[in-house]
N, C-alpha and C. Protein backbone atom coordinates (compact mmCIF):
# COMPACT_ATOMS: atom_id res chain seq x y z
N MET A 1 43.16 32.13 101.08
CA MET A 1 42.38 33.41 101.87
C MET A 1 41.00 32.58 101.95
N SER A 2 40.85 31.91 103.00
CA SER A 2 39.65 31.20 103.34
C SER A 2 38.79 31.92 104.32
N THR A 3 38.84 33.16 104.48
CA THR A 3 37.85 33.95 105.44
C THR A 3 36.64 34.13 104.59
N PRO A 4 35.37 33.87 105.18
CA PRO A 4 34.10 34.06 104.63
C PRO A 4 33.81 35.54 104.42
N ALA A 5 33.14 35.93 103.43
CA ALA A 5 33.01 37.34 103.09
C ALA A 5 32.41 38.11 104.19
N THR A 6 31.67 37.41 105.12
CA THR A 6 30.85 38.17 106.04
C THR A 6 31.61 38.28 107.36
N GLU A 7 32.80 37.44 107.43
CA GLU A 7 33.58 37.65 108.66
C GLU A 7 34.36 38.79 108.51
N PHE A 8 34.45 39.51 109.79
CA PHE A 8 35.43 40.63 109.81
C PHE A 8 36.61 40.30 110.66
N LEU A 9 37.67 40.68 110.39
CA LEU A 9 38.92 40.49 111.02
C LEU A 9 39.33 41.82 111.66
N THR A 10 39.90 41.61 112.85
CA THR A 10 40.50 42.80 113.56
C THR A 10 41.88 43.14 112.87
N PRO A 11 42.43 44.18 113.30
CA PRO A 11 43.51 44.70 112.66
C PRO A 11 44.76 43.68 113.01
N ALA A 12 44.65 43.16 114.41
CA ALA A 12 45.70 42.15 114.66
C ALA A 12 45.54 40.87 113.84
N GLU A 13 44.38 40.42 113.52
CA GLU A 13 44.31 39.20 112.78
C GLU A 13 44.72 39.53 111.46
N THR A 14 44.45 40.63 110.80
CA THR A 14 44.84 41.05 109.55
C THR A 14 46.36 41.15 109.36
N VAL A 15 46.86 41.76 110.42
CA VAL A 15 48.45 41.85 110.47
C VAL A 15 49.07 40.30 110.34
N GLU A 16 48.45 39.47 111.25
CA GLU A 16 48.96 38.16 111.28
C GLU A 16 48.94 37.49 109.87
N ARG A 17 47.67 37.71 109.28
CA ARG A 17 47.43 36.84 108.05
C ARG A 17 48.13 37.57 106.90
N SER A 18 48.39 39.02 106.93
CA SER A 18 48.92 39.43 105.62
C SER A 18 50.29 39.58 105.75
N GLY A 19 50.96 39.66 107.01
CA GLY A 19 52.21 39.80 107.13
C GLY A 19 52.78 41.24 106.97
N PHE A 20 51.81 42.02 106.90
CA PHE A 20 52.18 43.48 106.98
C PHE A 20 51.94 44.18 108.44
N SER A 21 52.60 45.10 108.82
CA SER A 21 52.59 45.68 110.06
C SER A 21 51.19 46.52 110.19
N LEU A 22 50.87 46.81 111.40
CA LEU A 22 49.66 47.62 111.52
C LEU A 22 50.09 48.99 110.98
N ASP A 23 51.13 49.52 111.17
CA ASP A 23 51.57 50.77 110.62
C ASP A 23 51.44 50.81 109.04
N THR A 24 51.80 49.87 108.56
CA THR A 24 51.78 49.70 106.97
C THR A 24 50.44 49.64 106.61
N LEU A 25 49.42 48.85 107.26
CA LEU A 25 48.18 48.94 106.95
C LEU A 25 47.60 50.30 106.90
N ARG A 26 47.76 50.84 107.92
CA ARG A 26 47.38 52.37 108.11
C ARG A 26 47.84 53.17 107.10
N TYR A 27 49.23 53.06 106.83
CA TYR A 27 49.66 53.85 105.66
C TYR A 27 49.09 53.51 104.39
N TYR A 28 48.91 52.06 104.02
CA TYR A 28 48.30 51.92 102.76
C TYR A 28 46.92 52.47 102.69
N GLU A 29 46.27 52.43 103.87
CA GLU A 29 44.89 53.07 103.80
C GLU A 29 44.89 54.54 103.46
N ARG A 30 45.77 55.09 104.06
CA ARG A 30 46.02 56.69 104.07
C ARG A 30 46.32 57.25 102.73
N ILE A 31 47.17 56.31 102.05
CA ILE A 31 47.50 56.77 100.64
C ILE A 31 46.68 56.23 99.50
N GLY A 32 45.83 55.46 99.82
CA GLY A 32 44.79 54.99 98.86
C GLY A 32 45.06 53.67 98.31
N LEU A 33 46.05 52.93 98.95
CA LEU A 33 46.09 51.62 98.37
C LEU A 33 45.26 50.60 98.86
N LEU A 34 44.66 50.81 99.98
CA LEU A 34 43.69 49.98 100.55
C LEU A 34 42.38 50.89 100.36
N GLY A 35 41.24 50.23 99.81
CA GLY A 35 39.95 51.08 99.73
C GLY A 35 39.46 51.36 101.06
N THR A 36 38.12 51.70 101.16
CA THR A 36 37.53 52.03 102.44
C THR A 36 37.66 50.85 103.32
N VAL A 37 38.21 51.02 104.64
CA VAL A 37 38.17 49.99 105.49
C VAL A 37 36.93 50.09 106.32
N HIS A 38 36.17 48.88 106.54
CA HIS A 38 35.11 48.89 107.47
C HIS A 38 35.48 49.34 108.76
N ARG A 39 34.46 49.80 109.54
CA ARG A 39 34.58 50.12 110.87
C ARG A 39 33.59 49.56 111.70
N SER A 40 33.80 49.30 112.90
CA SER A 40 32.87 48.81 113.86
C SER A 40 32.10 50.04 114.53
N ALA A 41 31.09 49.71 115.25
CA ALA A 41 30.26 50.81 115.83
C ALA A 41 31.17 51.72 116.76
N THR A 42 32.18 51.24 117.19
CA THR A 42 33.03 51.89 118.00
C THR A 42 34.24 52.60 117.20
N GLY A 43 34.19 52.44 115.97
CA GLY A 43 35.19 53.08 115.06
C GLY A 43 36.52 52.20 114.88
N HIS A 44 36.58 51.04 115.35
CA HIS A 44 37.70 50.12 115.26
C HIS A 44 37.62 49.59 113.66
N ARG A 45 38.84 49.49 113.07
CA ARG A 45 38.95 49.00 111.64
C ARG A 45 38.60 47.51 111.77
N ARG A 46 37.88 47.14 110.74
CA ARG A 46 37.47 45.81 110.54
C ARG A 46 37.75 45.36 109.02
N TYR A 47 38.73 44.28 108.90
CA TYR A 47 38.93 43.93 107.47
C TYR A 47 38.17 42.70 107.11
N THR A 48 38.11 42.56 105.74
CA THR A 48 37.29 41.36 105.22
C THR A 48 38.29 40.48 104.25
N ALA A 49 37.63 39.38 103.81
CA ALA A 49 38.38 38.53 102.97
C ALA A 49 38.73 39.31 101.77
N HIS A 50 37.99 40.12 101.37
CA HIS A 50 38.36 40.78 100.09
C HIS A 50 39.69 41.82 100.37
N ASP A 51 39.66 42.31 101.54
CA ASP A 51 40.83 43.17 101.98
C ASP A 51 42.14 42.23 101.86
N LEU A 52 41.97 41.01 102.64
CA LEU A 52 43.11 40.22 102.55
C LEU A 52 43.55 39.72 101.19
N GLU A 53 42.66 39.60 100.32
CA GLU A 53 42.94 39.22 98.84
C GLU A 53 43.81 40.38 98.33
N TRP A 54 43.38 41.45 98.53
CA TRP A 54 43.96 42.74 97.76
C TRP A 54 45.32 42.93 98.64
N LEU A 55 45.39 42.68 99.93
CA LEU A 55 46.64 42.84 100.69
C LEU A 55 47.68 41.93 100.03
N TYR A 56 47.25 40.65 99.66
CA TYR A 56 48.12 39.58 99.01
C TYR A 56 48.59 40.17 97.64
N VAL A 57 47.82 40.84 96.91
CA VAL A 57 48.30 41.64 95.57
C VAL A 57 49.41 42.52 95.93
N LEU A 58 49.08 43.42 96.87
CA LEU A 58 49.95 44.46 97.27
C LEU A 58 51.34 43.91 97.81
N ARG A 59 51.20 42.76 98.66
CA ARG A 59 52.33 42.22 99.19
C ARG A 59 53.24 41.55 97.98
N CYS A 60 52.61 40.97 96.85
CA CYS A 60 53.37 40.48 95.66
C CYS A 60 53.93 41.57 95.02
N LEU A 61 53.40 42.61 94.81
CA LEU A 61 53.92 43.83 93.94
C LEU A 61 55.07 44.42 94.74
N ARG A 62 54.79 44.64 96.02
CA ARG A 62 55.96 45.16 96.95
C ARG A 62 57.12 44.39 97.08
N ASP A 63 56.91 43.07 97.31
CA ASP A 63 58.11 42.18 97.40
C ASP A 63 58.85 41.82 96.18
N THR A 64 58.26 42.04 95.10
CA THR A 64 58.84 42.14 93.79
C THR A 64 59.42 43.45 93.38
N GLY A 65 59.45 44.36 94.26
CA GLY A 65 60.23 45.65 94.11
C GLY A 65 59.34 46.84 93.34
N MET A 66 58.00 46.72 93.18
CA MET A 66 57.28 47.78 92.73
C MET A 66 57.29 49.00 93.74
N PRO A 67 57.55 50.11 93.12
CA PRO A 67 57.50 51.44 94.02
C PRO A 67 56.11 51.56 94.29
N ILE A 68 55.88 52.32 95.43
CA ILE A 68 54.71 52.58 95.92
C ILE A 68 53.84 53.45 94.83
N ALA A 69 54.43 54.31 93.94
CA ALA A 69 53.73 55.02 92.98
C ALA A 69 53.15 54.12 92.06
N GLY A 70 53.80 53.02 91.74
CA GLY A 70 53.42 51.99 90.65
C GLY A 70 52.22 51.26 91.26
N MET A 71 52.28 50.87 92.66
CA MET A 71 51.23 50.37 93.24
C MET A 71 50.04 51.24 93.31
N ARG A 72 50.13 52.34 93.63
CA ARG A 72 49.08 53.33 93.59
C ARG A 72 48.32 53.42 92.21
N ARG A 73 49.04 53.40 91.33
CA ARG A 73 48.55 53.58 89.93
C ARG A 73 47.80 52.15 89.62
N PHE A 74 48.33 51.22 90.08
CA PHE A 74 47.65 50.00 89.77
C PHE A 74 46.38 49.84 90.55
N ALA A 75 46.35 50.39 91.84
CA ALA A 75 45.17 50.54 92.56
C ALA A 75 44.17 51.32 92.03
N GLU A 76 44.63 52.47 91.43
CA GLU A 76 43.65 53.40 90.73
C GLU A 76 42.98 52.86 89.62
N LEU A 77 43.80 52.06 88.88
CA LEU A 77 43.26 51.32 87.57
C LEU A 77 42.29 50.23 88.01
N VAL A 78 42.41 49.46 89.00
CA VAL A 78 41.51 48.52 89.64
C VAL A 78 40.21 49.18 89.94
N ARG A 79 40.29 50.29 90.74
CA ARG A 79 39.09 50.95 91.17
C ARG A 79 38.35 51.69 89.91
N ALA A 80 38.96 51.76 89.01
CA ALA A 80 38.42 52.41 87.78
C ALA A 80 37.53 51.50 87.01
N GLY A 81 37.73 50.18 87.23
CA GLY A 81 36.88 49.24 86.52
C GLY A 81 37.54 48.34 85.39
N ASP A 82 36.66 47.61 84.85
CA ASP A 82 37.23 46.57 83.66
C ASP A 82 37.62 47.31 82.54
N GLY A 83 37.37 48.60 82.25
CA GLY A 83 37.82 49.20 81.03
C GLY A 83 39.37 49.40 81.29
N THR A 84 40.03 49.27 82.39
CA THR A 84 41.52 49.51 82.52
C THR A 84 42.27 48.27 82.26
N PHE A 85 41.70 47.28 81.88
CA PHE A 85 42.41 45.81 81.82
C PHE A 85 43.76 46.03 80.96
N ALA A 86 43.61 46.85 79.86
CA ALA A 86 44.80 46.98 79.00
C ALA A 86 45.89 47.64 79.77
N GLU A 87 45.52 48.64 80.31
CA GLU A 87 46.50 49.39 81.15
C GLU A 87 47.11 48.61 82.22
N ARG A 88 46.36 47.85 82.96
CA ARG A 88 46.80 47.10 84.03
C ARG A 88 47.80 46.07 83.53
N LEU A 89 47.28 45.41 82.36
CA LEU A 89 48.26 44.47 81.91
C LEU A 89 49.64 45.04 81.45
N ALA A 90 49.60 46.26 80.94
CA ALA A 90 50.87 46.87 80.41
C ALA A 90 51.73 47.15 81.59
N LEU A 91 51.03 47.76 82.80
CA LEU A 91 51.88 47.97 83.97
C LEU A 91 52.52 46.81 84.54
N LEU A 92 51.73 45.57 84.62
CA LEU A 92 52.12 44.38 85.26
C LEU A 92 53.22 43.80 84.40
N GLU A 93 53.19 43.90 82.99
CA GLU A 93 54.21 43.36 82.12
C GLU A 93 55.59 44.25 82.23
N ARG A 94 55.28 45.41 82.35
CA ARG A 94 56.73 46.25 82.68
C ARG A 94 57.27 45.88 83.99
N HIS A 95 56.44 45.72 84.91
CA HIS A 95 56.95 45.25 86.33
C HIS A 95 57.53 43.86 86.39
N HIS A 96 56.95 42.87 85.51
CA HIS A 96 57.41 41.62 85.35
C HIS A 96 58.80 41.53 84.72
N GLY A 97 58.92 42.44 83.80
CA GLY A 97 60.29 42.57 83.11
C GLY A 97 61.30 43.18 84.05
N ALA A 98 60.89 44.04 84.88
CA ALA A 98 61.91 44.59 86.00
C ALA A 98 62.19 43.48 87.03
N ALA A 99 61.21 42.83 87.37
CA ALA A 99 61.56 41.63 88.19
C ALA A 99 62.49 40.63 87.62
N GLU A 100 62.32 40.37 86.35
CA GLU A 100 63.03 39.41 85.64
C GLU A 100 64.47 39.90 85.69
N GLU A 101 64.59 41.18 85.45
CA GLU A 101 66.06 41.74 85.42
C GLU A 101 66.63 41.68 86.90
N GLN A 102 66.02 41.97 87.97
CA GLN A 102 66.46 41.73 89.33
C GLN A 102 66.76 40.27 89.65
N ILE A 103 65.84 39.39 89.23
CA ILE A 103 66.27 38.10 89.41
C ILE A 103 67.63 37.74 88.64
N THR A 104 67.74 38.14 87.46
CA THR A 104 69.07 37.78 86.75
C THR A 104 70.13 38.42 87.49
N LYS A 105 70.04 39.55 87.88
CA LYS A 105 71.28 40.23 88.69
C LYS A 105 71.43 39.48 90.02
N LEU A 106 70.36 39.18 90.85
CA LEU A 106 70.42 38.34 91.96
C LEU A 106 71.27 37.00 91.62
N ARG A 107 70.91 36.42 90.56
CA ARG A 107 71.40 34.98 90.27
C ARG A 107 73.01 35.30 90.02
N ALA A 108 73.28 36.27 89.29
CA ALA A 108 74.80 36.53 89.11
C ALA A 108 75.45 36.85 90.48
N GLN A 109 74.94 37.50 91.21
CA GLN A 109 75.48 37.84 92.68
C GLN A 109 75.53 36.61 93.49
N GLN A 110 74.52 35.77 93.37
CA GLN A 110 74.52 34.56 94.06
C GLN A 110 75.79 33.64 93.56
N ASP A 111 75.82 33.50 92.35
CA ASP A 111 76.96 32.77 91.81
C ASP A 111 78.41 33.42 92.19
N TYR A 112 78.47 34.59 92.29
CA TYR A 112 79.61 35.32 92.83
C TYR A 112 79.87 34.81 94.26
N LEU A 113 78.74 34.90 95.06
CA LEU A 113 78.94 34.41 96.37
C LEU A 113 79.22 33.06 96.54
N HIS A 114 78.73 32.32 95.86
CA HIS A 114 79.07 30.64 95.76
C HIS A 114 80.68 30.58 95.44
N THR A 115 81.12 31.27 94.45
CA THR A 115 82.55 31.37 94.12
C THR A 115 83.49 31.63 95.39
N LYS A 116 82.97 32.69 96.05
CA LYS A 116 83.70 33.09 97.24
C LYS A 116 83.73 32.14 98.44
N ILE A 117 82.50 31.51 98.55
CA ILE A 117 82.36 30.66 99.60
C ILE A 117 83.19 29.39 99.31
N ALA A 118 83.33 28.94 98.00
CA ALA A 118 84.14 27.76 97.63
C ALA A 118 85.57 28.15 97.92
N PHE A 119 85.96 29.37 97.49
CA PHE A 119 87.46 29.90 97.78
C PHE A 119 87.80 29.74 99.24
N TYR A 120 86.78 30.25 100.13
CA TYR A 120 87.28 30.35 101.68
C TYR A 120 87.16 28.70 102.07
N ARG A 121 86.38 27.96 101.73
CA ARG A 121 86.39 26.57 102.10
C ARG A 121 87.51 25.86 101.73
N ARG A 122 88.08 26.08 100.46
CA ARG A 122 89.29 25.49 100.10
C ARG A 122 90.50 26.04 100.88
N ALA A 123 90.46 27.31 101.15
CA ALA A 123 91.44 27.99 101.99
C ALA A 123 91.55 27.41 103.31
N LEU A 124 90.41 27.14 103.96
CA LEU A 124 90.42 26.66 105.17
C LEU A 124 90.73 25.07 105.31
N ALA A 125 90.43 24.45 104.22
CA ALA A 125 90.88 22.99 104.12
C ALA A 125 92.36 22.67 104.01
N ASP A 126 92.98 23.63 103.45
CA ASP A 126 94.39 23.65 103.17
C ASP A 126 95.36 23.66 104.28
């Protein structure tokens, strides 16, 4: 995230850098996952390096399977300040455990796929 704090990004630039669609950015703003987004004099959204950093957090949480409700709770805790560190830690530890379970399940499914691929390769070779 090498954007200077004073530089504002257009929605298109933010979409490109964050990997989220414009619709997702608007949705995240509407449901409170994104804080107040700056606006230009003409009312166009302008994003900052801080917004990009926060979007990276949201991307990580979402890509690892955290439900929107959990993401909203985490965002609430962050906005509530440093006094919520223990709650944030607990939330992230629970999510980490769920992600580990999902990884274990995916590895088992990947192993199964590997076995099937090997079977079909042998069958085609015969």
